[in-house]
Amino acid sequence: MSDKISSIIDQLKTLTLLEASELVKEIETVFGVDTSVAVASAGVALPGAAGAAPAEAAEEKTSFDITLTEVPADKKIAILKIVRNVTGLGLKESKDIVDNVPKVLKEGATKEESETIKKELETAGGKVTIK
């Protein structure tokens, strides 16, 4: 991997979830792509990488779905704030998720990202499953 790519990857690792969400939206706008298809299929189709991902996926699962399963009434506001940060959605959409559990918060998350989100939500009082 070139130094330029390594530098970009290192910078991406420092982004907050909100910043990463904003970056994705900007990439969609600038390059005219739709990332919702790639996320929904739990993988990203990159030019020149056809056939490489299935072999790796069989060895170890690298993509996880995070589902909010339970929200205590007295913890709704704290959990709502975390849901907004994780999903990048507005207040109304995030409230709909919190009020209508179980709901998938994020599809195709990395293992580290899913563990971080789970820890945040459980600390706030919610219950989460990762599949």
N, C-alpha and C. Protein backbone atom coordinates (compact mmCIF):
# COMPACT_ATOMS: atom_id res chain seq x y z
N MET A 1 0.86 -1.17 0.00
CA MET A 1 0.00 0.00 0.00
C MET A 1 0.90 1.24 0.00
N SER A 2 0.52 2.23 -0.79
CA SER A 2 1.34 3.44 -0.90
C SER A 2 1.22 4.28 0.37
N ASP A 3 2.18 5.18 0.54
CA ASP A 3 2.18 6.08 1.70
C ASP A 3 0.94 6.97 1.70
N LYS A 4 0.53 7.39 0.51
CA LYS A 4 -0.64 8.26 0.39
C LYS A 4 -1.89 7.54 0.91
N ILE A 5 -2.08 6.30 0.50
CA ILE A 5 -3.24 5.53 0.93
C ILE A 5 -3.16 5.24 2.43
N SER A 6 -1.98 4.90 2.91
CA SER A 6 -1.80 4.65 4.35
C SER A 6 -2.16 5.88 5.17
N SER A 7 -1.75 7.04 4.67
CA SER A 7 -2.05 8.30 5.36
C SER A 7 -3.56 8.55 5.41
N ILE A 8 -4.24 8.30 4.30
CA ILE A 8 -5.69 8.50 4.25
C ILE A 8 -6.38 7.54 5.22
N ILE A 9 -5.97 6.29 5.23
CA ILE A 9 -6.56 5.28 6.13
C ILE A 9 -6.36 5.70 7.59
N ASP A 10 -5.17 6.17 7.92
CA ASP A 10 -4.91 6.62 9.30
C ASP A 10 -5.81 7.78 9.68
N GLN A 11 -6.05 8.70 8.75
CA GLN A 11 -6.94 9.83 9.02
C GLN A 11 -8.39 9.36 9.18
N LEU A 12 -8.80 8.38 8.38
CA LEU A 12 -10.17 7.87 8.49
C LEU A 12 -10.40 7.19 9.84
N LYS A 13 -9.40 6.56 10.37
CA LYS A 13 -9.53 5.88 11.66
C LYS A 13 -9.80 6.85 12.80
N THR A 14 -9.46 8.12 12.63
CA THR A 14 -9.65 9.09 13.70
C THR A 14 -11.01 9.78 13.65
N LEU A 15 -11.81 9.51 12.62
CA LEU A 15 -13.11 10.17 12.48
C LEU A 15 -14.11 9.66 13.52
N THR A 16 -14.95 10.56 13.99
CA THR A 16 -16.07 10.14 14.83
C THR A 16 -17.14 9.56 13.92
N LEU A 17 -18.13 8.90 14.49
CA LEU A 17 -19.20 8.32 13.68
C LEU A 17 -19.95 9.40 12.91
N LEU A 18 -20.17 10.53 13.52
CA LEU A 18 -20.87 11.62 12.86
C LEU A 18 -20.04 12.14 11.68
N GLU A 19 -18.75 12.31 11.88
CA GLU A 19 -17.88 12.77 10.80
C GLU A 19 -17.84 11.75 9.66
N ALA A 20 -17.80 10.47 10.01
CA ALA A 20 -17.79 9.42 8.99
C ALA A 20 -19.08 9.45 8.18
N SER A 21 -20.19 9.67 8.85
CA SER A 21 -21.48 9.76 8.17
C SER A 21 -21.50 10.94 7.20
N GLU A 22 -20.98 12.09 7.65
CA GLU A 22 -20.92 13.27 6.80
C GLU A 22 -19.99 13.02 5.60
N LEU A 23 -18.90 12.31 5.83
CA LEU A 23 -17.96 11.99 4.75
C LEU A 23 -18.65 11.13 3.69
N VAL A 24 -19.40 10.13 4.12
CA VAL A 24 -20.10 9.26 3.18
C VAL A 24 -21.09 10.07 2.34
N LYS A 25 -21.84 10.95 2.99
CA LYS A 25 -22.80 11.78 2.26
C LYS A 25 -22.10 12.66 1.23
N GLU A 26 -20.97 13.23 1.61
CA GLU A 26 -20.21 14.09 0.70
C GLU A 26 -19.65 13.29 -0.47
N ILE A 27 -19.16 12.08 -0.22
CA ILE A 27 -18.65 11.23 -1.29
C ILE A 27 -19.78 10.88 -2.26
N GLU A 28 -20.96 10.58 -1.71
CA GLU A 28 -22.11 10.29 -2.56
C GLU A 28 -22.43 11.48 -3.47
N THR A 29 -22.39 12.68 -2.90
CA THR A 29 -22.71 13.88 -3.66
C THR A 29 -21.66 14.18 -4.73
N VAL A 30 -20.40 14.18 -4.33
CA VAL A 30 -19.32 14.56 -5.23
C VAL A 30 -19.13 13.56 -6.37
N PHE A 31 -19.19 12.25 -6.05
CA PHE A 31 -18.92 11.23 -7.05
C PHE A 31 -20.17 10.61 -7.66
N GLY A 32 -21.35 11.01 -7.18
CA GLY A 32 -22.59 10.51 -7.75
C GLY A 32 -22.80 9.02 -7.54
N VAL A 33 -22.42 8.51 -6.36
CA VAL A 33 -22.60 7.09 -6.05
C VAL A 33 -23.65 6.92 -4.97
N ASP A 34 -24.15 5.69 -4.84
CA ASP A 34 -25.15 5.37 -3.83
C ASP A 34 -24.59 4.27 -2.95
N THR A 35 -24.20 4.59 -1.72
CA THR A 35 -23.61 3.61 -0.82
C THR A 35 -24.64 2.75 -0.12
N SER A 36 -25.91 3.09 -0.19
CA SER A 36 -26.93 2.30 0.49
C SER A 36 -27.01 0.89 -0.08
N VAL A 37 -26.73 0.71 -1.35
CA VAL A 37 -26.75 -0.62 -1.96
C VAL A 37 -25.61 -1.46 -1.40
N ALA A 38 -24.44 -0.88 -1.29
CA ALA A 38 -23.29 -1.61 -0.77
C ALA A 38 -23.48 -1.98 0.68
N VAL A 39 -24.03 -1.09 1.49
CA VAL A 39 -24.25 -1.37 2.91
C VAL A 39 -25.32 -2.43 3.08
N ALA A 40 -26.38 -2.36 2.29
CA ALA A 40 -27.48 -3.32 2.41
C ALA A 40 -27.01 -4.73 2.07
N SER A 41 -26.05 -4.86 1.18
CA SER A 41 -25.56 -6.18 0.81
C SER A 41 -24.42 -6.63 1.72
N ALA A 42 -24.11 -5.84 2.74
CA ALA A 42 -23.08 -6.15 3.74
C ALA A 42 -21.70 -6.29 3.11
N GLY A 43 -21.45 -5.56 2.07
CA GLY A 43 -20.14 -5.57 1.44
C GLY A 43 -20.02 -4.39 0.51
N VAL A 44 -18.80 -4.06 0.14
CA VAL A 44 -18.58 -2.94 -0.75
C VAL A 44 -17.98 -3.48 -2.04
N ALA A 45 -18.59 -3.18 -3.15
CA ALA A 45 -18.08 -3.62 -4.45
C ALA A 45 -17.06 -2.61 -4.95
N LEU A 46 -15.82 -3.02 -5.01
CA LEU A 46 -14.76 -2.15 -5.49
C LEU A 46 -14.27 -2.65 -6.84
N PRO A 47 -13.99 -1.75 -7.77
CA PRO A 47 -13.46 -2.19 -9.06
C PRO A 47 -12.16 -2.95 -8.87
N GLY A 48 -12.02 -4.06 -9.55
CA GLY A 48 -10.79 -4.85 -9.47
C GLY A 48 -10.72 -5.77 -8.28
N ALA A 49 -11.71 -5.77 -7.41
CA ALA A 49 -11.67 -6.62 -6.22
C ALA A 49 -12.67 -7.76 -6.31
N ALA A 50 -13.23 -8.01 -7.48
CA ALA A 50 -14.22 -9.07 -7.64
C ALA A 50 -13.60 -10.42 -7.31
N GLY A 51 -14.31 -11.20 -6.50
CA GLY A 51 -13.85 -12.53 -6.16
C GLY A 51 -12.95 -12.58 -4.94
N ALA A 52 -12.42 -11.49 -4.49
CA ALA A 52 -11.51 -11.51 -3.34
C ALA A 52 -12.27 -11.60 -2.03
N ALA A 53 -13.39 -10.92 -1.91
CA ALA A 53 -14.13 -10.87 -0.66
C ALA A 53 -14.79 -12.18 -0.24
N PRO A 54 -15.40 -12.96 -1.13
CA PRO A 54 -16.08 -14.17 -0.68
C PRO A 54 -15.17 -15.16 0.03
N ALA A 55 -13.95 -15.32 -0.41
CA ALA A 55 -13.04 -16.25 0.23
C ALA A 55 -12.71 -15.80 1.65
N GLU A 56 -12.50 -14.50 1.84
CA GLU A 56 -12.20 -13.98 3.16
C GLU A 56 -13.41 -14.05 4.07
N ALA A 57 -14.60 -13.79 3.53
CA ALA A 57 -15.82 -13.80 4.33
C ALA A 57 -16.10 -15.18 4.90
N ALA A 58 -15.72 -16.22 4.19
CA ALA A 58 -15.95 -17.57 4.67
C ALA A 58 -15.08 -17.88 5.89
N GLU A 59 -13.93 -17.26 5.99
CA GLU A 59 -13.02 -17.51 7.10
C GLU A 59 -13.48 -16.84 8.39
N GLU A 60 -13.74 -15.56 8.33
CA GLU A 60 -14.13 -14.83 9.53
C GLU A 60 -15.12 -13.74 9.16
N LYS A 61 -16.16 -13.62 9.96
CA LYS A 61 -17.18 -12.61 9.69
C LYS A 61 -16.60 -11.23 9.99
N THR A 62 -16.72 -10.33 9.02
CA THR A 62 -16.16 -8.99 9.19
C THR A 62 -17.24 -7.92 9.16
N SER A 63 -18.47 -8.31 8.92
CA SER A 63 -19.56 -7.36 8.81
C SER A 63 -20.67 -7.74 9.78
N PHE A 64 -21.12 -6.79 10.58
CA PHE A 64 -22.09 -7.08 11.62
C PHE A 64 -23.27 -6.11 11.55
N ASP A 65 -24.45 -6.61 11.91
CA ASP A 65 -25.65 -5.79 12.00
C ASP A 65 -25.93 -5.53 13.48
N ILE A 66 -26.16 -4.28 13.83
CA ILE A 66 -26.40 -3.88 15.21
C ILE A 66 -27.88 -3.58 15.36
N THR A 67 -28.55 -4.30 16.28
CA THR A 67 -29.98 -4.14 16.49
C THR A 67 -30.25 -3.66 17.91
N LEU A 68 -30.98 -2.56 18.03
CA LEU A 68 -31.43 -2.06 19.32
C LEU A 68 -32.67 -2.86 19.69
N THR A 69 -32.61 -3.61 20.79
CA THR A 69 -33.71 -4.52 21.13
C THR A 69 -34.59 -4.05 22.27
N GLU A 70 -34.04 -3.21 23.15
CA GLU A 70 -34.83 -2.77 24.31
C GLU A 70 -34.37 -1.40 24.78
N VAL A 71 -35.36 -0.54 25.09
CA VAL A 71 -35.07 0.80 25.58
C VAL A 71 -35.95 1.07 26.80
N PRO A 72 -35.35 1.14 28.01
CA PRO A 72 -36.14 1.48 29.20
C PRO A 72 -36.68 2.91 29.07
N ALA A 73 -37.90 3.13 29.53
CA ALA A 73 -38.55 4.43 29.40
C ALA A 73 -37.73 5.56 30.01
N ASP A 74 -37.09 5.30 31.15
CA ASP A 74 -36.34 6.36 31.82
C ASP A 74 -34.98 6.64 31.18
N LYS A 75 -34.58 5.85 30.18
CA LYS A 75 -33.28 6.02 29.52
C LYS A 75 -33.41 6.46 28.06
N LYS A 76 -34.64 6.78 27.63
CA LYS A 76 -34.90 7.08 26.22
C LYS A 76 -34.07 8.23 25.67
N ILE A 77 -33.96 9.31 26.41
CA ILE A 77 -33.26 10.50 25.91
C ILE A 77 -31.78 10.21 25.69
N ALA A 78 -31.15 9.55 26.64
CA ALA A 78 -29.73 9.22 26.52
C ALA A 78 -29.49 8.29 25.33
N ILE A 79 -30.36 7.31 25.17
CA ILE A 79 -30.22 6.37 24.06
C ILE A 79 -30.51 7.06 22.73
N LEU A 80 -31.49 7.95 22.72
CA LEU A 80 -31.83 8.71 21.52
C LEU A 80 -30.62 9.50 21.01
N LYS A 81 -29.88 10.11 21.91
CA LYS A 81 -28.69 10.88 21.52
C LYS A 81 -27.66 9.97 20.85
N ILE A 82 -27.46 8.79 21.40
CA ILE A 82 -26.48 7.85 20.84
C ILE A 82 -26.96 7.35 19.48
N VAL A 83 -28.25 7.05 19.36
CA VAL A 83 -28.81 6.59 18.08
C VAL A 83 -28.60 7.65 17.00
N ARG A 84 -28.81 8.91 17.35
CA ARG A 84 -28.60 10.00 16.37
C ARG A 84 -27.15 10.04 15.91
N ASN A 85 -26.21 9.89 16.84
CA ASN A 85 -24.79 9.91 16.49
C ASN A 85 -24.41 8.71 15.62
N VAL A 86 -24.93 7.54 15.96
CA VAL A 86 -24.58 6.31 15.26
C VAL A 86 -25.14 6.32 13.83
N THR A 87 -26.40 6.71 13.70
CA THR A 87 -27.07 6.61 12.40
C THR A 87 -26.90 7.86 11.54
N GLY A 88 -26.67 9.00 12.17
CA GLY A 88 -26.60 10.24 11.41
C GLY A 88 -27.97 10.75 11.00
N LEU A 89 -29.02 10.16 11.57
CA LEU A 89 -30.39 10.56 11.25
C LEU A 89 -30.80 11.77 12.06
N GLY A 90 -31.91 12.36 11.67
CA GLY A 90 -32.46 13.49 12.39
C GLY A 90 -33.17 13.05 13.65
N LEU A 91 -33.66 14.02 14.41
CA LEU A 91 -34.32 13.74 15.68
C LEU A 91 -35.56 12.87 15.50
N LYS A 92 -36.42 13.21 14.54
CA LYS A 92 -37.66 12.47 14.34
C LYS A 92 -37.40 11.01 13.95
N GLU A 93 -36.48 10.80 13.01
CA GLU A 93 -36.17 9.44 12.56
C GLU A 93 -35.55 8.62 13.69
N SER A 94 -34.66 9.24 14.46
CA SER A 94 -34.03 8.55 15.58
C SER A 94 -35.06 8.21 16.65
N LYS A 95 -35.98 9.12 16.91
CA LYS A 95 -37.04 8.88 17.89
C LYS A 95 -37.92 7.71 17.45
N ASP A 96 -38.21 7.63 16.15
CA ASP A 96 -39.00 6.51 15.62
C ASP A 96 -38.29 5.18 15.88
N ILE A 97 -36.98 5.15 15.74
CA ILE A 97 -36.22 3.91 16.00
C ILE A 97 -36.32 3.55 17.47
N VAL A 98 -36.08 4.52 18.35
CA VAL A 98 -36.08 4.27 19.79
C VAL A 98 -37.47 3.84 20.28
N ASP A 99 -38.51 4.42 19.69
CA ASP A 99 -39.88 4.11 20.11
C ASP A 99 -40.40 2.79 19.55
N ASN A 100 -39.77 2.26 18.52
CA ASN A 100 -40.27 1.05 17.85
C ASN A 100 -39.22 -0.05 17.80
N VAL A 101 -38.67 -0.41 18.94
CA VAL A 101 -37.67 -1.47 18.98
C VAL A 101 -38.35 -2.82 18.85
N PRO A 102 -37.74 -3.85 18.37
CA PRO A 102 -36.36 -3.92 17.89
C PRO A 102 -36.21 -3.32 16.50
N LYS A 103 -35.12 -2.61 16.30
CA LYS A 103 -34.79 -1.98 15.02
C LYS A 103 -33.29 -2.12 14.76
N VAL A 104 -32.94 -2.33 13.50
CA VAL A 104 -31.53 -2.38 13.10
C VAL A 104 -31.01 -0.96 13.04
N LEU A 105 -29.95 -0.69 13.80
CA LEU A 105 -29.35 0.64 13.81
C LEU A 105 -28.33 0.80 12.69
N LYS A 106 -27.56 -0.24 12.48
CA LYS A 106 -26.48 -0.13 11.50
C LYS A 106 -26.23 -1.50 10.90
N GLU A 107 -26.10 -1.53 9.59
CA GLU A 107 -25.78 -2.76 8.88
C GLU A 107 -24.36 -2.66 8.33
N GLY A 108 -23.67 -3.77 8.34
CA GLY A 108 -22.34 -3.81 7.75
C GLY A 108 -21.26 -3.13 8.56
N ALA A 109 -21.43 -3.06 9.86
CA ALA A 109 -20.43 -2.42 10.72
C ALA A 109 -19.25 -3.37 10.95
N THR A 110 -18.09 -2.79 11.20
CA THR A 110 -16.92 -3.61 11.53
C THR A 110 -17.07 -4.14 12.95
N LYS A 111 -16.24 -5.11 13.29
CA LYS A 111 -16.31 -5.70 14.62
C LYS A 111 -16.03 -4.65 15.70
N GLU A 112 -15.00 -3.84 15.49
CA GLU A 112 -14.65 -2.81 16.47
C GLU A 112 -15.77 -1.79 16.62
N GLU A 113 -16.31 -1.35 15.48
CA GLU A 113 -17.37 -0.35 15.49
C GLU A 113 -18.61 -0.90 16.20
N SER A 114 -18.96 -2.15 15.91
CA SER A 114 -20.15 -2.73 16.52
C SER A 114 -19.97 -2.89 18.03
N GLU A 115 -18.78 -3.26 18.47
CA GLU A 115 -18.52 -3.39 19.91
C GLU A 115 -18.58 -2.03 20.60
N THR A 116 -18.06 -1.00 19.95
CA THR A 116 -18.10 0.35 20.52
C THR A 116 -19.53 0.84 20.66
N ILE A 117 -20.33 0.66 19.61
CA ILE A 117 -21.73 1.09 19.64
C ILE A 117 -22.49 0.32 20.72
N LYS A 118 -22.26 -0.99 20.79
CA LYS A 118 -22.94 -1.81 21.80
C LYS A 118 -22.59 -1.32 23.20
N LYS A 119 -21.32 -1.04 23.44
CA LYS A 119 -20.89 -0.58 24.76
C LYS A 119 -21.55 0.75 25.11
N GLU A 120 -21.59 1.69 24.15
CA GLU A 120 -22.22 3.00 24.40
C GLU A 120 -23.68 2.85 24.76
N LEU A 121 -24.41 2.05 23.97
CA LEU A 121 -25.85 1.89 24.20
C LEU A 121 -26.14 1.15 25.50
N GLU A 122 -25.35 0.13 25.82
CA GLU A 122 -25.57 -0.60 27.06
C GLU A 122 -25.22 0.25 28.27
N THR A 123 -24.22 1.09 28.14
CA THR A 123 -23.87 2.01 29.23
C THR A 123 -25.02 2.99 29.49
N ALA A 124 -25.70 3.39 28.41
CA ALA A 124 -26.83 4.30 28.53
C ALA A 124 -28.09 3.61 29.03
N GLY A 125 -28.09 2.26 29.05
CA GLY A 125 -29.24 1.52 29.57
C GLY A 125 -30.01 0.70 28.55
N GLY A 126 -29.61 0.74 27.29
CA GLY A 126 -30.31 -0.02 26.25
C GLY A 126 -29.78 -1.43 26.14
N LYS A 127 -30.53 -2.25 25.41
CA LYS A 127 -30.08 -3.62 25.13
C LYS A 127 -29.88 -3.73 23.63
N VAL A 128 -28.76 -4.40 23.25
CA VAL A 128 -28.34 -4.46 21.86
C VAL A 128 -27.94 -5.89 21.51
N THR A 129 -28.23 -6.30 20.27
CA THR A 129 -27.71 -7.56 19.76
C THR A 129 -26.89 -7.27 18.51
N ILE A 130 -25.87 -8.09 18.34
CA ILE A 130 -25.00 -7.97 17.16
C ILE A 130 -25.05 -9.30 16.43
N LYS A 131 -25.37 -9.23 15.15
CA LYS A 131 -25.44 -10.47 14.34
C LYS A 131 -24.51 -10.36 13.16
